Amino acid sequence: HYPLEAELKLKLALDSIPEELVFQENNIYQPLEKSLNWI
């Protein structure tokens, strides 16, 4: 005997993504790591 199919909808964690991304300004000098010898 089978009951009627039960439905479970997927709930997304993110409701929406903003159209424009807001970046935080940061003009503090950041030292660059030395490049590796990829060869």
Full PDB file with SEQRES, HELIX, SHEET, SSBOND, CRYST1, ORIGX, SCALE, CONECT and MASTER records, all heavy atoms in Angstrom:
SEQRES   1 A   39  HIS TYR PRO LEU GLU ALA GLU LEU LYS LEU LYS LEU ALA          
SEQRES   2 A   39  LEU ASP SER ILE PRO GLU GLU LEU VAL PHE GLN GLU ASN          
SEQRES   3 A   39  ASN ILE TYR GLN PRO LEU GLU LYS SER LEU ASN TRP ILE          
CRYST1    1.000    1.000    1.000  90.00  90.00  90.00 P 1           1          
ORIGX1      1.000000  0.000000  0.000000        0.00000                         
ORIGX2      0.000000  1.000000  0.000000        0.00000                         
ORIGX3      0.000000  0.000000  1.000000        0.00000                         
SCALE1      1.000000  0.000000  0.000000        0.00000                         
SCALE2      0.000000  1.000000  0.000000        0.00000                         
SCALE3      0.000000  0.000000  1.000000        0.00000                         
ATOM      1  N   HIS A   1       0.856  -1.188   0.000  1.00  0.00           N  
ATOM      2  CA  HIS A   1       0.000   0.000   0.000  1.00  0.00           C  
ATOM      3  C   HIS A   1       0.895   1.243   0.000  1.00  0.00           C  
ATOM      4  O   HIS A   1       1.831   1.346   0.805  1.00  0.00           O  
ATOM      5  CB  HIS A   1      -0.902   0.020   1.239  1.00  0.00           C  
ATOM      6  CG  HIS A   1      -1.807  -1.172   1.347  1.00  0.00           C  
ATOM      7  ND1 HIS A   1      -3.052  -1.222   0.761  1.00  0.00           N  
ATOM      8  CD2 HIS A   1      -1.621  -2.384   1.949  1.00  0.00           C  
ATOM      9  CE1 HIS A   1      -3.610  -2.389   1.019  1.00  0.00           C  
ATOM     10  NE2 HIS A   1      -2.755  -3.117   1.741  1.00  0.00           N  
ATOM     11  N   TYR A   2       0.615   2.183  -0.883  1.00  0.00           N  
ATOM     12  CA  TYR A   2       1.396   3.409  -0.998  1.00  0.00           C  
ATOM     13  C   TYR A   2       0.523   4.619  -0.658  1.00  0.00           C  
ATOM     14  O   TYR A   2      -0.623   4.707  -1.116  1.00  0.00           O  
ATOM     15  CB  TYR A   2       1.931   3.595  -2.423  1.00  0.00           C  
ATOM     16  CG  TYR A   2       3.112   2.731  -2.767  1.00  0.00           C  
ATOM     17  CD1 TYR A   2       2.938   1.507  -3.407  1.00  0.00           C  
ATOM     18  CD2 TYR A   2       4.403   3.127  -2.453  1.00  0.00           C  
ATOM     19  CE1 TYR A   2       4.019   0.704  -3.729  1.00  0.00           C  
ATOM     20  CE2 TYR A   2       5.487   2.334  -2.779  1.00  0.00           C  
ATOM     21  CZ  TYR A   2       5.296   1.128  -3.419  1.00  0.00           C  
ATOM     22  OH  TYR A   2       6.374   0.349  -3.736  1.00  0.00           O  
ATOM     23  N   PRO A   3       1.053   5.560   0.123  1.00  0.00           N  
ATOM     24  CA  PRO A   3       0.344   6.835   0.289  1.00  0.00           C  
ATOM     25  C   PRO A   3       0.648   7.754  -0.897  1.00  0.00           C  
ATOM     26  O   PRO A   3       1.472   7.430  -1.758  1.00  0.00           O  
ATOM     27  CB  PRO A   3       0.954   7.392   1.578  1.00  0.00           C  
ATOM     28  CG  PRO A   3       2.349   6.861   1.562  1.00  0.00           C  
ATOM     29  CD  PRO A   3       2.263   5.488   0.928  1.00  0.00           C  
ATOM     30  N   LEU A   4      -0.025   8.903  -0.933  1.00  0.00           N  
ATOM     31  CA  LEU A   4       0.275   9.883  -1.971  1.00  0.00           C  
ATOM     32  C   LEU A   4       1.691  10.431  -1.780  1.00  0.00           C  
ATOM     33  O   LEU A   4       2.206  10.489  -0.661  1.00  0.00           O  
ATOM     34  CB  LEU A   4      -0.743  11.027  -1.922  1.00  0.00           C  
ATOM     35  CG  LEU A   4      -2.195  10.650  -2.251  1.00  0.00           C  
ATOM     36  CD1 LEU A   4      -3.099  11.859  -2.078  1.00  0.00           C  
ATOM     37  CD2 LEU A   4      -2.309  10.096  -3.669  1.00  0.00           C  
ATOM     38  N   GLU A   5       2.316  10.841  -2.888  1.00  0.00           N  
ATOM     39  CA  GLU A   5       3.668  11.393  -2.803  1.00  0.00           C  
ATOM     40  C   GLU A   5       3.674  12.681  -1.977  1.00  0.00           C  
ATOM     41  O   GLU A   5       2.806  13.531  -2.133  1.00  0.00           O  
ATOM     42  CB  GLU A   5       4.208  11.686  -4.201  1.00  0.00           C  
ATOM     43  CG  GLU A   5       4.791  10.480  -4.902  1.00  0.00           C  
ATOM     44  CD  GLU A   5       5.564  10.862  -6.151  1.00  0.00           C  
ATOM     45  OE1 GLU A   5       5.231  11.907  -6.740  1.00  0.00           O  
ATOM     46  OE2 GLU A   5       6.477  10.131  -6.536  1.00  0.00           O  
ATOM     47  N   ALA A   6       4.675  12.768  -1.090  1.00  0.00           N  
ATOM     48  CA  ALA A   6       4.855  13.976  -0.292  1.00  0.00           C  
ATOM     49  C   ALA A   6       5.988  14.802  -0.902  1.00  0.00           C  
ATOM     50  O   ALA A   6       7.005  14.254  -1.323  1.00  0.00           O  
ATOM     51  CB  ALA A   6       5.179  13.623   1.153  1.00  0.00           C  
ATOM     52  N   GLU A   7       5.806  16.113  -0.928  1.00  0.00           N  
ATOM     53  CA  GLU A   7       6.789  17.006  -1.559  1.00  0.00           C  
ATOM     54  C   GLU A   7       7.572  17.753  -0.490  1.00  0.00           C  
ATOM     55  O   GLU A   7       7.009  18.246   0.490  1.00  0.00           O  
ATOM     56  CB  GLU A   7       6.082  18.016  -2.477  1.00  0.00           C  
ATOM     57  CG  GLU A   7       7.045  18.989  -3.157  1.00  0.00           C  
ATOM     58  CD  GLU A   7       6.332  20.027  -4.014  1.00  0.00           C  
ATOM     59  OE1 GLU A   7       5.082  20.077  -3.931  1.00  0.00           O  
ATOM     60  OE2 GLU A   7       7.006  20.795  -4.732  1.00  0.00           O  
ATOM     61  N   LEU A   8       8.887  17.847  -0.680  1.00  0.00           N  
ATOM     62  CA  LEU A   8       9.772  18.629   0.183  1.00  0.00           C  
ATOM     63  C   LEU A   8      10.537  19.605  -0.698  1.00  0.00           C  
ATOM     64  O   LEU A   8      11.334  19.196  -1.539  1.00  0.00           O  
ATOM     65  CB  LEU A   8      10.741  17.720   0.945  1.00  0.00           C  
ATOM     66  CG  LEU A   8      11.708  18.434   1.896  1.00  0.00           C  
ATOM     67  CD1 LEU A   8      10.940  19.075   3.056  1.00  0.00           C  
ATOM     68  CD2 LEU A   8      12.758  17.471   2.432  1.00  0.00           C  
ATOM     69  N   LYS A   9      10.291  20.890  -0.501  1.00  0.00           N  
ATOM     70  CA  LYS A   9      10.946  21.901  -1.314  1.00  0.00           C  
ATOM     71  C   LYS A   9      12.309  22.257  -0.735  1.00  0.00           C  
ATOM     72  O   LYS A   9      12.530  22.196   0.471  1.00  0.00           O  
ATOM     73  CB  LYS A   9      10.067  23.159  -1.391  1.00  0.00           C  
ATOM     74  CG  LYS A   9       8.730  22.921  -2.084  1.00  0.00           C  
ATOM     75  CD  LYS A   9       7.909  24.190  -2.142  1.00  0.00           C  
ATOM     76  CE  LYS A   9       6.577  23.946  -2.845  1.00  0.00           C  
ATOM     77  NZ  LYS A   9       5.734  25.179  -2.888  1.00  0.00           N  
ATOM     78  N   LEU A  10      13.229  22.626  -1.630  1.00  0.00           N  
ATOM     79  CA  LEU A  10      14.579  23.008  -1.222  1.00  0.00           C  
ATOM     80  C   LEU A  10      14.590  24.473  -0.816  1.00  0.00           C  
ATOM     81  O   LEU A  10      14.180  25.341  -1.583  1.00  0.00           O  
ATOM     82  CB  LEU A  10      15.563  22.762  -2.370  1.00  0.00           C  
ATOM     83  CG  LEU A  10      17.020  23.162  -2.110  1.00  0.00           C  
ATOM     84  CD1 LEU A  10      17.607  22.353  -0.967  1.00  0.00           C  
ATOM     85  CD2 LEU A  10      17.856  22.974  -3.366  1.00  0.00           C  
ATOM     86  N   LYS A  11      15.047  24.740   0.404  1.00  0.00           N  
ATOM     87  CA  LYS A  11      15.137  26.113   0.903  1.00  0.00           C  
ATOM     88  C   LYS A  11      16.581  26.597   0.714  1.00  0.00           C  
ATOM     89  O   LYS A  11      17.520  26.026   1.269  1.00  0.00           O  
ATOM     90  CB  LYS A  11      14.755  26.162   2.376  1.00  0.00           C  
ATOM     91  CG  LYS A  11      14.735  27.586   2.954  1.00  0.00           C  
ATOM     92  CD  LYS A  11      14.553  27.545   4.462  1.00  0.00           C  
ATOM     93  CE  LYS A  11      13.218  26.948   4.833  1.00  0.00           C  
ATOM     94  NZ  LYS A  11      13.017  26.971   6.316  1.00  0.00           N  
ATOM     95  N   LEU A  12      16.743  27.632  -0.081  1.00  0.00           N  
ATOM     96  CA  LEU A  12      18.078  28.166  -0.365  1.00  0.00           C  
ATOM     97  C   LEU A  12      18.563  29.023   0.792  1.00  0.00           C  
ATOM     98  O   LEU A  12      17.790  29.769   1.401  1.00  0.00           O  
ATOM     99  CB  LEU A  12      18.063  28.971  -1.662  1.00  0.00           C  
ATOM    100  CG  LEU A  12      17.686  28.182  -2.926  1.00  0.00           C  
ATOM    101  CD1 LEU A  12      17.628  29.102  -4.132  1.00  0.00           C  
ATOM    102  CD2 LEU A  12      18.675  27.056  -3.172  1.00  0.00           C  
ATOM    103  N   ALA A  13      19.874  28.941   1.086  1.00  0.00           N  
ATOM    104  CA  ALA A  13      20.432  29.712   2.196  1.00  0.00           C  
ATOM    105  C   ALA A  13      20.517  31.193   1.859  1.00  0.00           C  
ATOM    106  O   ALA A  13      20.356  32.060   2.721  1.00  0.00           O  
ATOM    107  CB  ALA A  13      21.813  29.169   2.568  1.00  0.00           C  
ATOM    108  N   LEU A  14      20.785  31.533   0.583  1.00  0.00           N  
ATOM    109  CA  LEU A  14      20.874  32.925   0.148  1.00  0.00           C  
ATOM    110  C   LEU A  14      19.580  33.307  -0.540  1.00  0.00           C  
ATOM    111  O   LEU A  14      19.182  32.711  -1.536  1.00  0.00           O  
ATOM    112  CB  LEU A  14      22.054  33.112  -0.818  1.00  0.00           C  
ATOM    113  CG  LEU A  14      23.452  32.875  -0.229  1.00  0.00           C  
ATOM    114  CD1 LEU A  14      24.505  33.028  -1.313  1.00  0.00           C  
ATOM    115  CD2 LEU A  14      23.732  33.835   0.909  1.00  0.00           C  
ATOM    116  N   ASP A  15      18.894  34.294   0.001  1.00  0.00           N  
ATOM    117  CA  ASP A  15      17.645  34.736  -0.599  1.00  0.00           C  
ATOM    118  C   ASP A  15      17.882  35.470  -1.913  1.00  0.00           C  
ATOM    119  O   ASP A  15      17.159  35.301  -2.882  1.00  0.00           O  
ATOM    120  CB  ASP A  15      16.881  35.648   0.376  1.00  0.00           C  
ATOM    121  CG  ASP A  15      16.471  34.882   1.630  1.00  0.00           C  
ATOM    122  OD1 ASP A  15      16.278  33.655   1.513  1.00  0.00           O  
ATOM    123  OD2 ASP A  15      16.379  35.487   2.696  1.00  0.00           O  
ATOM    124  N   SER A  16      18.905  36.306  -1.951  1.00  0.00           N  
ATOM    125  CA  SER A  16      19.187  37.077  -3.165  1.00  0.00           C  
ATOM    126  C   SER A  16      20.630  37.567  -3.150  1.00  0.00           C  
ATOM    127  O   SER A  16      21.263  37.639  -2.096  1.00  0.00           O  
ATOM    128  CB  SER A  16      18.227  38.277  -3.278  1.00  0.00           C  
ATOM    129  OG  SER A  16      18.420  39.153  -2.170  1.00  0.00           O  
ATOM    130  N   ILE A  17      21.144  37.906  -4.324  1.00  0.00           N  
ATOM    131  CA  ILE A  17      22.493  38.450  -4.460  1.00  0.00           C  
ATOM    132  C   ILE A  17      22.372  39.915  -4.872  1.00  0.00           C  
ATOM    133  O   ILE A  17      21.631  40.252  -5.805  1.00  0.00           O  
ATOM    134  CB  ILE A  17      23.293  37.685  -5.528  1.00  0.00           C  
ATOM    135  CG1 ILE A  17      23.411  36.208  -5.103  1.00  0.00           C  
ATOM    136  CG2 ILE A  17      24.669  38.291  -5.738  1.00  0.00           C  
ATOM    137  CD1 ILE A  17      24.111  35.339  -6.113  1.00  0.00           C  
ATOM    138  N   PRO A  18      23.066  40.847  -4.164  1.00  0.00           N  
ATOM    139  CA  PRO A  18      22.953  42.267  -4.514  1.00  0.00           C  
ATOM    140  C   PRO A  18      23.457  42.543  -5.928  1.00  0.00           C  
ATOM    141  O   PRO A  18      24.392  41.902  -6.410  1.00  0.00           O  
ATOM    142  CB  PRO A  18      23.828  42.958  -3.456  1.00  0.00           C  
ATOM    143  CG  PRO A  18      24.741  41.892  -2.945  1.00  0.00           C  
ATOM    144  CD  PRO A  18      23.976  40.625  -3.034  1.00  0.00           C  
ATOM    145  N   GLU A  19      22.806  43.481  -6.607  1.00  0.00           N  
ATOM    146  CA  GLU A  19      23.183  43.812  -7.983  1.00  0.00           C  
ATOM    147  C   GLU A  19      24.561  44.462  -8.043  1.00  0.00           C  
ATOM    148  O   GLU A  19      25.332  44.226  -8.961  1.00  0.00           O  
ATOM    149  CB  GLU A  19      22.125  44.735  -8.593  1.00  0.00           C  
ATOM    150  CG  GLU A  19      20.759  44.071  -8.740  1.00  0.00           C  
ATOM    151  CD  GLU A  19      19.745  45.006  -9.368  1.00  0.00           C  
ATOM    152  OE1 GLU A  19      20.124  46.167  -9.660  1.00  0.00           O  
ATOM    153  OE2 GLU A  19      18.597  44.584  -9.575  1.00  0.00           O  
ATOM    154  N   GLU A  20      24.895  45.330  -7.080  1.00  0.00           N  
ATOM    155  CA  GLU A  20      26.191  46.007  -7.059  1.00  0.00           C  
ATOM    156  C   GLU A  20      26.952  45.602  -5.807  1.00  0.00           C  
ATOM    157  O   GLU A  20      26.429  45.670  -4.699  1.00  0.00           O  
ATOM    158  CB  GLU A  20      26.006  47.532  -7.091  1.00  0.00           C  
ATOM    159  CG  GLU A  20      25.363  48.045  -8.375  1.00  0.00           C  
ATOM    160  CD  GLU A  20      25.283  49.565  -8.383  1.00  0.00           C  
ATOM    161  OE1 GLU A  20      25.760  50.169  -7.389  1.00  0.00           O  
ATOM    162  OE2 GLU A  20      24.773  50.124  -9.355  1.00  0.00           O  
ATOM    163  N   LEU A  21      28.205  45.178  -5.993  1.00  0.00           N  
ATOM    164  CA  LEU A  21      29.033  44.776  -4.866  1.00  0.00           C  
ATOM    165  C   LEU A  21      29.695  46.003  -4.252  1.00  0.00           C  
ATOM    166  O   LEU A  21      30.164  46.890  -4.958  1.00  0.00           O  
ATOM    167  CB  LEU A  21      30.100  43.784  -5.329  1.00  0.00           C  
ATOM    168  CG  LEU A  21      29.565  42.480  -5.940  1.00  0.00           C  
ATOM    169  CD1 LEU A  21      30.735  41.595  -6.377  1.00  0.00           C  
ATOM    170  CD2 LEU A  21      28.694  41.747  -4.942  1.00  0.00           C  
ATOM    171  N   VAL A  22      29.738  46.060  -2.942  1.00  0.00           N  
ATOM    172  CA  VAL A  22      30.340  47.183  -2.219  1.00  0.00           C  
ATOM    173  C   VAL A  22      31.677  46.713  -1.655  1.00  0.00           C  
ATOM    174  O   VAL A  22      31.730  45.749  -0.893  1.00  0.00           O  
ATOM    175  CB  VAL A  22      29.423  47.667  -1.080  1.00  0.00           C  
ATOM    176  CG1 VAL A  22      30.085  48.812  -0.323  1.00  0.00           C  
ATOM    177  CG2 VAL A  22      28.066  48.092  -1.641  1.00  0.00           C  
ATOM    178  N   PHE A  23      32.763  47.413  -2.053  1.00  0.00           N  
ATOM    179  CA  PHE A  23      34.093  47.044  -1.599  1.00  0.00           C  
ATOM    180  C   PHE A  23      34.546  48.011  -0.506  1.00  0.00           C  
ATOM    181  O   PHE A  23      34.241  49.213  -0.538  1.00  0.00           O  
ATOM    182  CB  PHE A  23      35.098  47.085  -2.756  1.00  0.00           C  
ATOM    183  CG  PHE A  23      34.800  46.082  -3.834  1.00  0.00           C  
ATOM    184  CD1 PHE A  23      34.041  46.426  -4.950  1.00  0.00           C  
ATOM    185  CD2 PHE A  23      35.258  44.782  -3.727  1.00  0.00           C  
ATOM    186  CE1 PHE A  23      33.756  45.505  -5.940  1.00  0.00           C  
ATOM    187  CE2 PHE A  23      34.992  43.853  -4.718  1.00  0.00           C  
ATOM    188  CZ  PHE A  23      34.239  44.209  -5.821  1.00  0.00           C  
ATOM    189  N   GLN A  24      35.269  47.467   0.451  1.00  0.00           N  
ATOM    190  CA  GLN A  24      35.809  48.300   1.515  1.00  0.00           C  
ATOM    191  C   GLN A  24      37.160  48.886   1.080  1.00  0.00           C  
ATOM    192  O   GLN A  24      38.033  48.149   0.617  1.00  0.00           O  
ATOM    193  CB  GLN A  24      35.975  47.459   2.792  1.00  0.00           C  
ATOM    194  CG  GLN A  24      36.494  48.271   3.976  1.00  0.00           C  
ATOM    195  CD  GLN A  24      36.605  47.410   5.232  1.00  0.00           C  
ATOM    196  OE1 GLN A  24      36.314  46.216   5.180  1.00  0.00           O  
ATOM    197  NE2 GLN A  24      37.012  48.011   6.330  1.00  0.00           N  
ATOM    198  N   GLU A  25      37.298  50.187   1.210  1.00  0.00           N  
ATOM    199  CA  GLU A  25      38.539  50.857   0.798  1.00  0.00           C  
ATOM    200  C   GLU A  25      39.649  50.561   1.798  1.00  0.00           C  
ATOM    201  O   GLU A  25      39.450  50.577   3.002  1.00  0.00           O  
ATOM    202  CB  GLU A  25      38.321  52.364   0.699  1.00  0.00           C  
ATOM    203  CG  GLU A  25      37.352  52.756  -0.411  1.00  0.00           C  
ATOM    204  CD  GLU A  25      37.242  54.264  -0.546  1.00  0.00           C  
ATOM    205  OE1 GLU A  25      37.941  54.962   0.224  1.00  0.00           O  
ATOM    206  OE2 GLU A  25      36.477  54.724  -1.405  1.00  0.00           O  
ATOM    207  N   ASN A  26      40.840  50.290   1.249  1.00  0.00           N  
ATOM    208  CA  ASN A  26      41.990  49.989   2.097  1.00  0.00           C  
ATOM    209  C   ASN A  26      43.247  50.384   1.335  1.00  0.00           C  
ATOM    210  O   ASN A  26      43.611  49.767   0.339  1.00  0.00           O  
ATOM    211  CB  ASN A  26      42.015  48.497   2.435  1.00  0.00           C  
ATOM    212  CG  ASN A  26      43.117  48.169   3.435  1.00  0.00           C  
ATOM    213  OD1 ASN A  26      43.919  49.020   3.799  1.00  0.00           O  
ATOM    214  ND2 ASN A  26      43.145  46.920   3.885  1.00  0.00           N  
ATOM    215  N   ASN A  27      43.917  51.460   1.778  1.00  0.00           N  
ATOM    216  CA  ASN A  27      45.125  51.944   1.110  1.00  0.00           C  
ATOM    217  C   ASN A  27      46.391  51.643   1.905  1.00  0.00           C  
ATOM    218  O   ASN A  27      47.435  52.260   1.708  1.00  0.00           O  
ATOM    219  CB  ASN A  27      45.035  53.454   0.852  1.00  0.00           C  
ATOM    220  CG  ASN A  27      44.782  54.225   2.149  1.00  0.00           C  
ATOM    221  OD1 ASN A  27      44.710  53.637   3.223  1.00  0.00           O  
ATOM    222  ND2 ASN A  27      44.671  55.549   2.034  1.00  0.00           N  
ATOM    223  N   ILE A  28      46.294  50.684   2.857  1.00  0.00           N  
ATOM    224  CA  ILE A  28      47.464  50.310   3.641  1.00  0.00           C  
ATOM    225  C   ILE A  28      48.349  49.404   2.801  1.00  0.00           C  
ATOM    226  O   ILE A  28      47.869  48.480   2.140  1.00  0.00           O  
ATOM    227  CB  ILE A  28      47.040  49.593   4.945  1.00  0.00           C  
ATOM    228  CG1 ILE A  28      46.162  50.527   5.785  1.00  0.00           C  
ATOM    229  CG2 ILE A  28      48.251  49.140   5.742  1.00  0.00           C  
ATOM    230  CD1 ILE A  28      45.617  49.878   7.045  1.00  0.00           C  
ATOM    231  N   TYR A  29      49.634  49.657   2.828  1.00  0.00           N  
ATOM    232  CA  TYR A  29      50.584  48.887   2.031  1.00  0.00           C  
ATOM    233  C   TYR A  29      50.613  47.439   2.504  1.00  0.00           C  
ATOM    234  O   TYR A  29      50.701  47.155   3.691  1.00  0.00           O  
ATOM    235  CB  TYR A  29      51.988  49.501   2.140  1.00  0.00           C  
ATOM    236  CG  TYR A  29      53.065  48.642   1.532  1.00  0.00           C  
ATOM    237  CD1 TYR A  29      53.233  48.557   0.143  1.00  0.00           C  
ATOM    238  CD2 TYR A  29      53.928  47.897   2.353  1.00  0.00           C  
ATOM    239  CE1 TYR A  29      54.211  47.757  -0.403  1.00  0.00           C  
ATOM    240  CE2 TYR A  29      54.915  47.101   1.796  1.00  0.00           C  
ATOM    241  CZ  TYR A  29      55.053  47.040   0.414  1.00  0.00           C  
ATOM    242  OH  TYR A  29      56.031  46.241  -0.130  1.00  0.00           O  
ATOM    243  N   GLN A  30      50.513  46.557   1.565  1.00  0.00           N  
ATOM    244  CA  GLN A  30      50.593  45.136   1.852  1.00  0.00           C  
ATOM    245  C   GLN A  30      51.821  44.564   1.156  1.00  0.00           C  
ATOM    246  O   GLN A  30      51.951  44.668  -0.057  1.00  0.00           O  
ATOM    247  CB  GLN A  30      49.335  44.420   1.340  1.00  0.00           C  
ATOM    248  CG  GLN A  30      48.044  44.881   2.000  1.00  0.00           C  
ATOM    249  CD  GLN A  30      47.980  44.456   3.454  1.00  0.00           C  
ATOM    250  OE1 GLN A  30      48.593  43.466   3.843  1.00  0.00           O  
ATOM    251  NE2 GLN A  30      47.236  45.204   4.251  1.00  0.00           N  
ATOM    252  N   PRO A  31      52.724  43.966   1.913  1.00  0.00           N  
ATOM    253  CA  PRO A  31      53.923  43.406   1.284  1.00  0.00           C  
ATOM    254  C   PRO A  31      53.572  42.222   0.393  1.00  0.00           C  
ATOM    255  O   PRO A  31      52.704  41.414   0.724  1.00  0.00           O  
ATOM    256  CB  PRO A  31      54.780  42.973   2.476  1.00  0.00           C  
ATOM    257  CG  PRO A  31      53.804  42.774   3.593  1.00  0.00           C  
ATOM    258  CD  PRO A  31      52.718  43.778   3.374  1.00  0.00           C  
ATOM    259  N   LEU A  32      54.222  42.139  -0.737  1.00  0.00           N  
ATOM    260  CA  LEU A  32      53.993  41.058  -1.681  1.00  0.00           C  
ATOM    261  C   LEU A  32      54.980  39.930  -1.432  1.00  0.00           C  
ATOM    262  O   LEU A  32      56.160  40.163  -1.173  1.00  0.00           O  
ATOM    263  CB  LEU A  32      54.142  41.561  -3.125  1.00  0.00           C  
ATOM    264  CG  LEU A  32      53.176  42.669  -3.549  1.00  0.00           C  
ATOM    265  CD1 LEU A  32      53.486  43.110  -4.976  1.00  0.00           C  
ATOM    266  CD2 LEU A  32      51.735  42.179  -3.447  1.00  0.00           C  
ATOM    267  N   GLU A  33      54.461  38.724  -1.471  1.00  0.00           N  
ATOM    268  CA  GLU A  33      55.334  37.577  -1.300  1.00  0.00           C  
ATOM    269  C   GLU A  33      56.180  37.364  -2.558  1.00  0.00           C  
ATOM    270  O   GLU A  33      55.760  37.678  -3.670  1.00  0.00           O  
ATOM    271  CB  GLU A  33      54.502  36.317  -1.021  1.00  0.00           C  
ATOM    272  CG  GLU A  33      53.704  36.401   0.274  1.00  0.00           C  
ATOM    273  CD  GLU A  33      52.909  35.136   0.521  1.00  0.00           C  
ATOM    274  OE1 GLU A  33      52.968  34.242  -0.356  1.00  0.00           O  
ATOM    275  OE2 GLU A  33      52.241  35.052   1.568  1.00  0.00           O  
ATOM    276  N   LYS A  34      57.381  36.840  -2.349  1.00  0.00           N  
ATOM    277  CA  LYS A  34      58.248  36.562  -3.479  1.00  0.00           C  
ATOM    278  C   LYS A  34      57.677  35.420  -4.309  1.00  0.00           C  
ATOM    279  O   LYS A  34      57.139  34.458  -3.776  1.00  0.00           O  
ATOM    280  CB  LYS A  34      59.645  36.194  -2.979  1.00  0.00           C  
ATOM    281  CG  LYS A  34      60.365  37.343  -2.268  1.00  0.00           C  
ATOM    282  CD  LYS A  34      61.757  36.921  -1.842  1.00  0.00           C  
ATOM    283  CE  LYS A  34      62.479  38.077  -1.157  1.00  0.00           C  
ATOM    284  NZ  LYS A  34      63.853  37.686  -0.720  1.00  0.00           N  
ATOM    285  N   SER A  35      57.782  35.569  -5.612  1.00  0.00           N  
ATOM    286  CA  SER A  35      57.244  34.554  -6.500  1.00  0.00           C  
ATOM    287  C   SER A  35      58.095  33.287  -6.434  1.00  0.00           C  
ATOM    288  O   SER A  35      59.312  33.336  -6.248  1.00  0.00           O  
ATOM    289  CB  SER A  35      57.209  35.067  -7.943  1.00  0.00           C  
ATOM    290  OG  SER A  35      58.521  35.414  -8.359  1.00  0.00           O  
ATOM    291  N   LEU A  36      57.431  32.166  -6.563  1.00  0.00           N  
ATOM    292  CA  LEU A  36      58.140  30.891  -6.533  1.00  0.00           C  
ATOM    293  C   LEU A  36      58.690  30.552  -7.913  1.00  0.00           C  
ATOM    294  O   LEU A  36      58.209  31.052  -8.936  1.00  0.00           O  
ATOM    295  CB  LEU A  36      57.176  29.789  -6.066  1.00  0.00           C  
ATOM    296  CG  LEU A  36      56.582  29.972  -4.661  1.00  0.00           C  
ATOM    297  CD1 LEU A  36      55.558  28.874  -4.390  1.00  0.00           C  
ATOM    298  CD2 LEU A  36      57.671  29.945  -3.597  1.00  0.00           C  
ATOM    299  N   ASN A  37      59.651  29.686  -7.923  1.00  0.00           N  
ATOM    300  CA  ASN A  37      60.226  29.229  -9.177  1.00  0.00           C  
ATOM    301  C   ASN A  37      59.354  28.088  -9.704  1.00  0.00           C  
ATOM    302  O   ASN A  37      59.550  26.909  -9.381  1.00  0.00           O  
ATOM    303  CB  ASN A  37      61.670  28.757  -8.963  1.00  0.00           C  
ATOM    304  CG  ASN A  37      62.389  28.554 -10.284  1.00  0.00           C  
ATOM    305  OD1 ASN A  37      61.768  28.247 -11.298  1.00  0.00           O  
ATOM    306  ND2 ASN A  37      63.711  28.721 -10.263  1.00  0.00           N  
ATOM    307  N   TRP A  38      58.358  28.458 -10.508  1.00  0.00           N  
ATOM    308  CA  TRP A  38      57.380  27.478 -10.960  1.00  0.00           C  
ATOM    309  C   TRP A  38      57.969  26.454 -11.926  1.00  0.00           C  
ATOM    310  O   TRP A  38      57.449  25.346 -12.058  1.00  0.00           O  
ATOM    311  CB  TRP A  38      56.201  28.191 -11.636  1.00  0.00           C  
ATOM    312  CG  TRP A  38      55.395  29.002 -10.657  1.00  0.00           C  
ATOM    313  CD1 TRP A  38      55.353  30.343 -10.522  1.00  0.00           C  
ATOM    314  CD2 TRP A  38      54.528  28.472  -9.650  1.00  0.00           C  
ATOM    315  NE1 TRP A  38      54.519  30.726  -9.500  1.00  0.00           N  
ATOM    316  CE2 TRP A  38      53.985  29.577  -8.941  1.00  0.00           C  
ATOM    317  CE3 TRP A  38      54.159  27.182  -9.264  1.00  0.00           C  
ATOM    318  CZ2 TRP A  38      53.103  29.426  -7.883  1.00  0.00           C  
ATOM    319  CZ3 TRP A  38      53.275  27.031  -8.215  1.00  0.00           C  
ATOM    320  CH2 TRP A  38      52.757  28.153  -7.540  1.00  0.00           C  
ATOM    321  N   ILE A  39      59.068  26.809 -12.579  1.00  0.00           N  
ATOM    322  CA  ILE A  39      59.695  25.850 -13.500  1.00  0.00           C  
ATOM    323  C   ILE A  39      60.239  24.647 -12.737  1.00  0.00           C  
ATOM    324  O   ILE A  39      59.997  23.483 -13.103  1.00  0.00           O  
ATOM    325  CB  ILE A  39      60.812  26.532 -14.306  1.00  0.00           C  
ATOM    326  CG1 ILE A  39      60.214  27.654 -15.180  1.00  0.00           C  
ATOM    327  CG2 ILE A  39      61.548  25.508 -15.167  1.00  0.00           C  
ATOM    328  CD1 ILE A  39      61.261  28.426 -15.968  1.00  0.00           C  
TER     329      ILE A  39                                                      
MASTER        0    0    0    0    0    0    0    6  328    1    0    3          
END                                                                             
